[in-house]
Amino acid sequence: MDDLIVFGIFFLSWFVFIYLGYKKKWDWVVSIGGGFAIACLSFIITTNIIVPSEPVIKENDRRSVIGKNFSDWDGSHINLERHIKESMNDPKSYEHVETKYWDHGEYLIVQTTFRGKNAFGALVKNQVKAKVGLNGKVLEILESY
């Protein structure tokens, strides 16, 4: 829609420029105006082809992309859970309690609460907070306690 407005303004100003050139019998204005119009139109077309406008993810599509990273069964973040289990003393003792997330546009902050056995074999409750990409990749562990 923005391109249509830019094109409309351009066309209107070009038309006025050429009309004044013909009316005043200024041939140089007409030739410069025509060249300018071709150059500007070429620029508008090529920039839209070479650098297309950023795709806008609709809200429903965004929710579906984010939702694919979470388990339908218990709501845990699939890759964060995998990351947690890799760092545990006894991965088989992992028990998901709760997962929350906050959407920050280009990434999510995901907080998972879980239970698992520590080095002494006691069952303890822990939390991990991580920065996660929209594709599900764990970018950074922010807090672990």
N, C-alpha and C. Protein backbone atom coordinates (compact mmCIF):
# COMPACT_ATOMS: atom_id res chain seq x y z
N MET A 1 0.83 -1.20 0.00
CA MET A 1 0.00 0.00 0.00
C MET A 1 0.87 1.25 0.00
N ASP A 2 1.97 1.23 0.76
CA ASP A 2 2.85 2.40 0.80
C ASP A 2 3.46 2.68 -0.57
N ASP A 3 3.80 1.61 -1.30
CA ASP A 3 4.38 1.77 -2.63
C ASP A 3 3.39 2.44 -3.57
N LEU A 4 2.12 2.12 -3.43
CA LEU A 4 1.09 2.72 -4.27
C LEU A 4 0.97 4.22 -4.01
N ILE A 5 1.06 4.62 -2.77
CA ILE A 5 1.00 6.04 -2.41
C ILE A 5 2.22 6.78 -2.97
N VAL A 6 3.41 6.18 -2.80
CA VAL A 6 4.64 6.80 -3.32
C VAL A 6 4.54 6.94 -4.83
N PHE A 7 4.07 5.88 -5.49
CA PHE A 7 3.94 5.93 -6.94
C PHE A 7 2.94 7.01 -7.36
N GLY A 8 1.82 7.13 -6.64
CA GLY A 8 0.82 8.14 -6.95
C GLY A 8 1.36 9.56 -6.82
N ILE A 9 2.08 9.82 -5.75
CA ILE A 9 2.69 11.15 -5.55
C ILE A 9 3.71 11.44 -6.63
N PHE A 10 4.52 10.43 -6.93
CA PHE A 10 5.54 10.58 -7.97
C PHE A 10 4.87 10.91 -9.31
N PHE A 11 3.86 10.12 -9.68
CA PHE A 11 3.20 10.30 -10.96
C PHE A 11 2.55 11.68 -11.07
N LEU A 12 1.89 12.12 -10.01
CA LEU A 12 1.23 13.41 -10.00
C LEU A 12 2.25 14.54 -10.17
N SER A 13 3.35 14.49 -9.41
CA SER A 13 4.37 15.55 -9.50
C SER A 13 5.04 15.53 -10.88
N TRP A 14 5.29 14.34 -11.42
CA TRP A 14 5.89 14.23 -12.75
C TRP A 14 4.95 14.83 -13.80
N PHE A 15 3.65 14.51 -13.67
CA PHE A 15 2.67 15.02 -14.63
C PHE A 15 2.63 16.55 -14.60
N VAL A 16 2.63 17.14 -13.41
CA VAL A 16 2.62 18.60 -13.28
C VAL A 16 3.88 19.20 -13.89
N PHE A 17 5.02 18.57 -13.62
CA PHE A 17 6.31 19.03 -14.14
C PHE A 17 6.30 19.04 -15.67
N ILE A 18 5.87 17.96 -16.29
CA ILE A 18 5.84 17.85 -17.75
C ILE A 18 4.81 18.82 -18.35
N TYR A 19 3.65 18.92 -17.72
CA TYR A 19 2.61 19.83 -18.21
C TYR A 19 3.11 21.27 -18.24
N LEU A 20 3.78 21.69 -17.16
CA LEU A 20 4.32 23.05 -17.14
C LEU A 20 5.38 23.24 -18.21
N GLY A 21 6.17 22.20 -18.45
CA GLY A 21 7.20 22.27 -19.50
C GLY A 21 6.59 22.46 -20.87
N TYR A 22 5.53 21.72 -21.18
CA TYR A 22 4.86 21.88 -22.47
C TYR A 22 4.18 23.23 -22.59
N LYS A 23 3.55 23.67 -21.53
CA LYS A 23 2.81 24.92 -21.57
C LYS A 23 3.74 26.11 -21.79
N LYS A 24 4.93 26.06 -21.16
CA LYS A 24 5.87 27.18 -21.26
C LYS A 24 6.81 27.03 -22.46
N LYS A 25 6.68 25.91 -23.20
CA LYS A 25 7.53 25.62 -24.36
C LYS A 25 8.99 25.44 -23.94
N TRP A 26 9.18 24.80 -22.79
CA TRP A 26 10.54 24.52 -22.33
C TRP A 26 10.86 23.07 -22.66
N ASP A 27 11.50 22.88 -23.79
CA ASP A 27 11.80 21.52 -24.23
C ASP A 27 12.76 20.82 -23.28
N TRP A 28 13.69 21.58 -22.73
CA TRP A 28 14.67 20.97 -21.82
C TRP A 28 13.99 20.42 -20.56
N VAL A 29 12.91 21.11 -20.12
CA VAL A 29 12.18 20.65 -18.95
C VAL A 29 11.48 19.32 -19.26
N VAL A 30 10.92 19.23 -20.46
CA VAL A 30 10.22 18.01 -20.87
C VAL A 30 11.20 16.85 -20.94
N SER A 31 12.38 17.06 -21.56
CA SER A 31 13.34 15.96 -21.70
C SER A 31 13.92 15.56 -20.35
N ILE A 32 14.22 16.53 -19.49
CA ILE A 32 14.74 16.21 -18.15
C ILE A 32 13.65 15.51 -17.33
N GLY A 33 12.43 16.01 -17.46
CA GLY A 33 11.32 15.40 -16.72
C GLY A 33 11.08 13.96 -17.13
N GLY A 34 11.16 13.68 -18.44
CA GLY A 34 10.98 12.31 -18.91
C GLY A 34 12.10 11.40 -18.42
N GLY A 35 13.34 11.89 -18.49
CA GLY A 35 14.48 11.11 -17.99
C GLY A 35 14.39 10.87 -16.50
N PHE A 36 13.99 11.91 -15.78
CA PHE A 36 13.84 11.80 -14.32
C PHE A 36 12.75 10.79 -13.98
N ALA A 37 11.65 10.82 -14.73
CA ALA A 37 10.56 9.90 -14.49
C ALA A 37 10.99 8.46 -14.71
N ILE A 38 11.71 8.21 -15.78
CA ILE A 38 12.18 6.85 -16.08
C ILE A 38 13.16 6.39 -15.00
N ALA A 39 14.07 7.27 -14.59
CA ALA A 39 15.05 6.91 -13.55
C ALA A 39 14.36 6.59 -12.22
N CYS A 40 13.41 7.43 -11.82
CA CYS A 40 12.72 7.21 -10.54
C CYS A 40 11.86 5.96 -10.59
N LEU A 41 11.16 5.76 -11.68
CA LEU A 41 10.33 4.57 -11.81
C LEU A 41 11.19 3.31 -11.78
N SER A 42 12.33 3.34 -12.46
CA SER A 42 13.25 2.20 -12.44
C SER A 42 13.74 1.95 -11.02
N PHE A 43 14.07 3.01 -10.30
CA PHE A 43 14.54 2.88 -8.92
C PHE A 43 13.48 2.23 -8.04
N ILE A 44 12.23 2.70 -8.15
CA ILE A 44 11.14 2.15 -7.34
C ILE A 44 10.93 0.67 -7.64
N ILE A 45 10.94 0.32 -8.92
CA ILE A 45 10.72 -1.08 -9.30
C ILE A 45 11.86 -1.96 -8.83
N THR A 46 13.11 -1.55 -9.05
CA THR A 46 14.25 -2.40 -8.67
C THR A 46 14.41 -2.52 -7.17
N THR A 47 14.13 -1.48 -6.41
CA THR A 47 14.28 -1.61 -4.96
C THR A 47 13.22 -2.54 -4.40
N ASN A 48 12.06 -2.58 -5.00
CA ASN A 48 11.03 -3.51 -4.54
C ASN A 48 11.34 -4.94 -4.94
N ILE A 49 12.08 -5.13 -6.03
CA ILE A 49 12.46 -6.47 -6.45
C ILE A 49 13.67 -6.94 -5.67
N ILE A 50 14.70 -6.09 -5.56
CA ILE A 50 15.94 -6.48 -4.90
C ILE A 50 15.77 -6.54 -3.39
N VAL A 51 15.14 -5.55 -2.80
CA VAL A 51 14.95 -5.49 -1.35
C VAL A 51 13.45 -5.49 -1.07
N PRO A 52 12.84 -6.67 -1.08
CA PRO A 52 11.40 -6.70 -0.82
C PRO A 52 11.09 -6.26 0.59
N SER A 53 9.90 -5.74 0.78
CA SER A 53 9.52 -5.31 2.12
C SER A 53 9.47 -6.53 3.04
N GLU A 54 9.78 -6.31 4.33
CA GLU A 54 9.83 -7.38 5.32
C GLU A 54 8.47 -8.04 5.45
N PRO A 55 8.44 -9.37 5.42
CA PRO A 55 7.14 -10.01 5.57
C PRO A 55 6.60 -9.81 6.98
N VAL A 56 5.36 -9.54 7.05
CA VAL A 56 4.72 -9.34 8.35
C VAL A 56 4.07 -10.65 8.74
N ILE A 57 4.48 -11.18 9.90
CA ILE A 57 3.89 -12.43 10.37
C ILE A 57 2.58 -12.07 11.06
N LYS A 58 1.51 -12.67 10.59
CA LYS A 58 0.22 -12.42 11.22
C LYS A 58 0.23 -12.99 12.62
N GLU A 59 -0.60 -12.44 13.48
CA GLU A 59 -0.63 -12.85 14.89
C GLU A 59 -0.92 -14.34 15.04
N ASN A 60 -1.85 -14.87 14.26
CA ASN A 60 -2.17 -16.30 14.35
C ASN A 60 -0.99 -17.16 13.90
N ASP A 61 -0.31 -16.72 12.82
CA ASP A 61 0.85 -17.46 12.33
C ASP A 61 1.97 -17.43 13.37
N ARG A 62 2.14 -16.29 14.01
CA ARG A 62 3.18 -16.14 15.04
C ARG A 62 2.91 -17.09 16.21
N ARG A 63 1.66 -17.13 16.65
CA ARG A 63 1.31 -18.03 17.75
C ARG A 63 1.57 -19.48 17.37
N SER A 64 1.27 -19.82 16.13
CA SER A 64 1.49 -21.20 15.69
C SER A 64 2.98 -21.52 15.63
N VAL A 65 3.80 -20.57 15.16
CA VAL A 65 5.26 -20.79 15.12
C VAL A 65 5.80 -20.96 16.54
N ILE A 66 5.37 -20.10 17.45
CA ILE A 66 5.82 -20.19 18.84
C ILE A 66 5.29 -21.48 19.48
N GLY A 67 4.04 -21.80 19.23
CA GLY A 67 3.41 -22.97 19.83
C GLY A 67 4.07 -24.29 19.46
N LYS A 68 4.68 -24.36 18.28
CA LYS A 68 5.35 -25.59 17.84
C LYS A 68 6.55 -25.94 18.71
N ASN A 69 7.07 -24.96 19.45
CA ASN A 69 8.24 -25.18 20.29
C ASN A 69 7.89 -25.71 21.68
N PHE A 70 6.61 -25.79 21.98
CA PHE A 70 6.15 -26.23 23.30
C PHE A 70 5.42 -27.57 23.18
N SER A 71 5.58 -28.38 24.20
CA SER A 71 4.93 -29.69 24.23
C SER A 71 3.43 -29.55 24.43
N ASP A 72 2.66 -30.29 23.65
CA ASP A 72 1.21 -30.30 23.82
C ASP A 72 0.83 -31.05 25.10
N TRP A 73 1.69 -31.93 25.54
CA TRP A 73 1.40 -32.79 26.69
C TRP A 73 1.47 -32.02 28.01
N ASP A 74 2.63 -31.38 28.26
CA ASP A 74 2.80 -30.72 29.56
C ASP A 74 3.16 -29.24 29.47
N GLY A 75 3.27 -28.69 28.25
CA GLY A 75 3.55 -27.26 28.08
C GLY A 75 5.01 -26.88 28.20
N SER A 76 5.89 -27.86 28.33
CA SER A 76 7.32 -27.55 28.45
C SER A 76 7.89 -27.13 27.11
N HIS A 77 8.96 -26.34 27.15
CA HIS A 77 9.66 -25.95 25.93
C HIS A 77 10.58 -27.10 25.54
N ILE A 78 10.38 -27.65 24.37
CA ILE A 78 11.04 -28.89 23.95
C ILE A 78 12.55 -28.79 23.99
N ASN A 79 13.13 -27.76 23.37
CA ASN A 79 14.59 -27.64 23.31
C ASN A 79 15.20 -27.24 24.65
N LEU A 80 14.49 -26.42 25.43
CA LEU A 80 15.00 -26.05 26.74
C LEU A 80 15.01 -27.27 27.65
N GLU A 81 13.99 -28.10 27.58
CA GLU A 81 13.95 -29.32 28.37
C GLU A 81 15.12 -30.24 28.00
N ARG A 82 15.40 -30.37 26.72
CA ARG A 82 16.53 -31.17 26.25
C ARG A 82 17.84 -30.62 26.81
N HIS A 83 17.97 -29.29 26.79
CA HIS A 83 19.17 -28.62 27.31
C HIS A 83 19.33 -28.88 28.81
N ILE A 84 18.23 -28.80 29.55
CA ILE A 84 18.25 -29.03 31.00
C ILE A 84 18.68 -30.46 31.30
N LYS A 85 18.09 -31.42 30.60
CA LYS A 85 18.40 -32.83 30.84
C LYS A 85 19.87 -33.14 30.56
N GLU A 86 20.44 -32.48 29.55
CA GLU A 86 21.86 -32.70 29.23
C GLU A 86 22.77 -32.25 30.36
N SER A 87 22.34 -31.28 31.14
CA SER A 87 23.19 -30.75 32.21
C SER A 87 22.87 -31.35 33.59
N MET A 88 21.91 -32.26 33.66
CA MET A 88 21.52 -32.83 34.96
C MET A 88 22.40 -34.02 35.34
N ASN A 89 22.49 -34.26 36.67
CA ASN A 89 23.20 -35.44 37.18
C ASN A 89 22.46 -36.72 36.83
N ASP A 90 21.13 -36.69 36.94
CA ASP A 90 20.30 -37.86 36.64
C ASP A 90 19.15 -37.42 35.73
N PRO A 91 19.37 -37.41 34.41
CA PRO A 91 18.35 -36.93 33.47
C PRO A 91 17.03 -37.69 33.56
N LYS A 92 17.08 -38.95 33.98
CA LYS A 92 15.85 -39.75 34.07
C LYS A 92 14.95 -39.27 35.21
N SER A 93 15.52 -38.52 36.15
CA SER A 93 14.72 -38.03 37.28
C SER A 93 13.99 -36.71 36.96
N TYR A 94 14.19 -36.19 35.75
CA TYR A 94 13.56 -34.92 35.36
C TYR A 94 12.04 -35.04 35.43
N GLU A 95 11.42 -34.05 36.06
CA GLU A 95 9.96 -33.98 36.16
C GLU A 95 9.54 -32.52 35.96
N HIS A 96 8.84 -32.25 34.87
CA HIS A 96 8.41 -30.90 34.55
C HIS A 96 7.33 -30.44 35.53
N VAL A 97 7.46 -29.20 36.03
CA VAL A 97 6.45 -28.63 36.93
C VAL A 97 5.65 -27.55 36.20
N GLU A 98 6.35 -26.56 35.62
CA GLU A 98 5.66 -25.44 35.00
C GLU A 98 6.60 -24.72 34.03
N THR A 99 6.01 -24.18 32.96
CA THR A 99 6.77 -23.36 32.02
C THR A 99 5.97 -22.10 31.70
N LYS A 100 6.66 -20.95 31.75
CA LYS A 100 6.07 -19.66 31.38
C LYS A 100 6.97 -19.04 30.31
N TYR A 101 6.40 -18.18 29.50
CA TYR A 101 7.24 -17.45 28.55
C TYR A 101 6.73 -16.03 28.35
N TRP A 102 7.66 -15.17 27.96
CA TRP A 102 7.36 -13.77 27.67
C TRP A 102 7.88 -13.49 26.27
N ASP A 103 7.03 -12.92 25.43
CA ASP A 103 7.37 -12.64 24.04
C ASP A 103 8.03 -11.26 23.96
N HIS A 104 9.26 -11.23 23.43
CA HIS A 104 10.00 -9.97 23.28
C HIS A 104 10.23 -9.65 21.80
N GLY A 105 9.31 -10.04 20.95
CA GLY A 105 9.42 -9.72 19.52
C GLY A 105 10.28 -10.71 18.77
N GLU A 106 11.58 -10.50 18.77
CA GLU A 106 12.49 -11.36 18.02
C GLU A 106 12.90 -12.60 18.80
N TYR A 107 12.60 -12.65 20.07
CA TYR A 107 12.95 -13.81 20.90
C TYR A 107 11.96 -13.94 22.04
N LEU A 108 12.04 -15.08 22.74
CA LEU A 108 11.21 -15.33 23.91
C LEU A 108 12.10 -15.48 25.13
N ILE A 109 11.58 -15.14 26.28
CA ILE A 109 12.20 -15.50 27.56
C ILE A 109 11.34 -16.63 28.11
N VAL A 110 11.96 -17.80 28.31
CA VAL A 110 11.23 -18.97 28.78
C VAL A 110 11.75 -19.35 30.15
N GLN A 111 10.84 -19.54 31.10
CA GLN A 111 11.19 -19.95 32.45
C GLN A 111 10.55 -21.31 32.73
N THR A 112 11.38 -22.29 33.05
CA THR A 112 10.90 -23.63 33.34
C THR A 112 11.22 -23.99 34.78
N THR A 113 10.22 -24.50 35.48
CA THR A 113 10.40 -25.03 36.83
C THR A 113 10.30 -26.54 36.72
N PHE A 114 11.23 -27.25 37.36
CA PHE A 114 11.25 -28.71 37.27
C PHE A 114 11.82 -29.31 38.56
N ARG A 115 11.63 -30.62 38.70
CA ARG A 115 12.23 -31.37 39.80
C ARG A 115 13.21 -32.37 39.22
N GLY A 116 14.23 -32.66 40.01
CA GLY A 116 15.21 -33.65 39.59
C GLY A 116 16.14 -33.96 40.74
N LYS A 117 16.86 -35.08 40.61
CA LYS A 117 17.78 -35.48 41.67
C LYS A 117 19.09 -34.72 41.53
N ASN A 118 19.60 -34.26 42.69
CA ASN A 118 20.90 -33.58 42.71
C ASN A 118 22.01 -34.62 42.84
N ALA A 119 23.25 -34.18 43.06
CA ALA A 119 24.40 -35.07 43.15
C ALA A 119 24.31 -36.03 44.33
N PHE A 120 23.54 -35.66 45.36
CA PHE A 120 23.39 -36.52 46.54
C PHE A 120 22.19 -37.45 46.43
N GLY A 121 21.45 -37.38 45.33
CA GLY A 121 20.30 -38.24 45.12
C GLY A 121 19.00 -37.71 45.70
N ALA A 122 19.03 -36.50 46.26
CA ALA A 122 17.81 -35.90 46.82
C ALA A 122 17.02 -35.23 45.70
N LEU A 123 15.71 -35.33 45.75
CA LEU A 123 14.83 -34.69 44.77
C LEU A 123 14.69 -33.22 45.13
N VAL A 124 15.11 -32.33 44.21
CA VAL A 124 15.07 -30.88 44.46
C VAL A 124 14.32 -30.18 43.33
N LYS A 125 13.79 -29.01 43.66
CA LYS A 125 13.07 -28.19 42.68
C LYS A 125 14.01 -27.11 42.17
N ASN A 126 14.06 -26.92 40.84
CA ASN A 126 14.94 -25.93 40.21
C ASN A 126 14.17 -25.12 39.19
N GLN A 127 14.78 -23.98 38.81
CA GLN A 127 14.24 -23.15 37.75
C GLN A 127 15.35 -22.75 36.80
N VAL A 128 15.01 -22.68 35.53
CA VAL A 128 15.93 -22.19 34.51
C VAL A 128 15.19 -21.15 33.69
N LYS A 129 15.86 -20.01 33.46
CA LYS A 129 15.30 -18.96 32.61
C LYS A 129 16.26 -18.79 31.43
N ALA A 130 15.72 -18.83 30.22
CA ALA A 130 16.56 -18.79 29.03
C ALA A 130 15.99 -17.85 27.97
N LYS A 131 16.90 -17.33 27.15
CA LYS A 131 16.52 -16.56 25.98
C LYS A 131 16.46 -17.56 24.83
N VAL A 132 15.30 -17.61 24.14
CA VAL A 132 15.06 -18.62 23.13
C VAL A 132 14.59 -17.94 21.85
N GLY A 133 15.12 -18.38 20.70
CA GLY A 133 14.70 -17.84 19.41
C GLY A 133 13.31 -18.33 19.05
N LEU A 134 12.68 -17.65 18.11
CA LEU A 134 11.34 -18.04 17.68
C LEU A 134 11.34 -19.41 17.02
N ASN A 135 12.51 -19.83 16.52
CA ASN A 135 12.62 -21.15 15.90
C ASN A 135 12.79 -22.25 16.93
N GLY A 136 12.89 -21.89 18.23
CA GLY A 136 13.00 -22.87 19.31
C GLY A 136 14.40 -23.08 19.83
N LYS A 137 15.39 -22.50 19.16
CA LYS A 137 16.78 -22.69 19.57
C LYS A 137 17.06 -21.92 20.87
N VAL A 138 17.72 -22.60 21.83
CA VAL A 138 18.11 -21.94 23.09
C VAL A 138 19.32 -21.07 22.78
N LEU A 139 19.15 -19.75 22.92
CA LEU A 139 20.21 -18.81 22.60
C LEU A 139 21.15 -18.57 23.77
N GLU A 140 20.57 -18.50 24.98
CA GLU A 140 21.37 -18.16 26.17
C GLU A 140 20.62 -18.55 27.42
N ILE A 141 21.34 -19.12 28.39
CA ILE A 141 20.76 -19.40 29.69
C ILE A 141 20.97 -18.14 30.53
N LEU A 142 19.89 -17.54 30.98
CA LEU A 142 19.97 -16.28 31.72
C LEU A 142 20.12 -16.53 33.23
N GLU A 143 19.34 -17.45 33.75
CA GLU A 143 19.38 -17.76 35.19
C GLU A 143 19.17 -19.26 35.36
N SER A 144 19.83 -19.79 36.38
CA SER A 144 19.63 -21.20 36.73
C SER A 144 19.76 -21.31 38.24
N TYR A 145 18.67 -21.65 38.90
CA TYR A 145 18.69 -21.76 40.36
C TYR A 145 17.72 -22.81 40.82
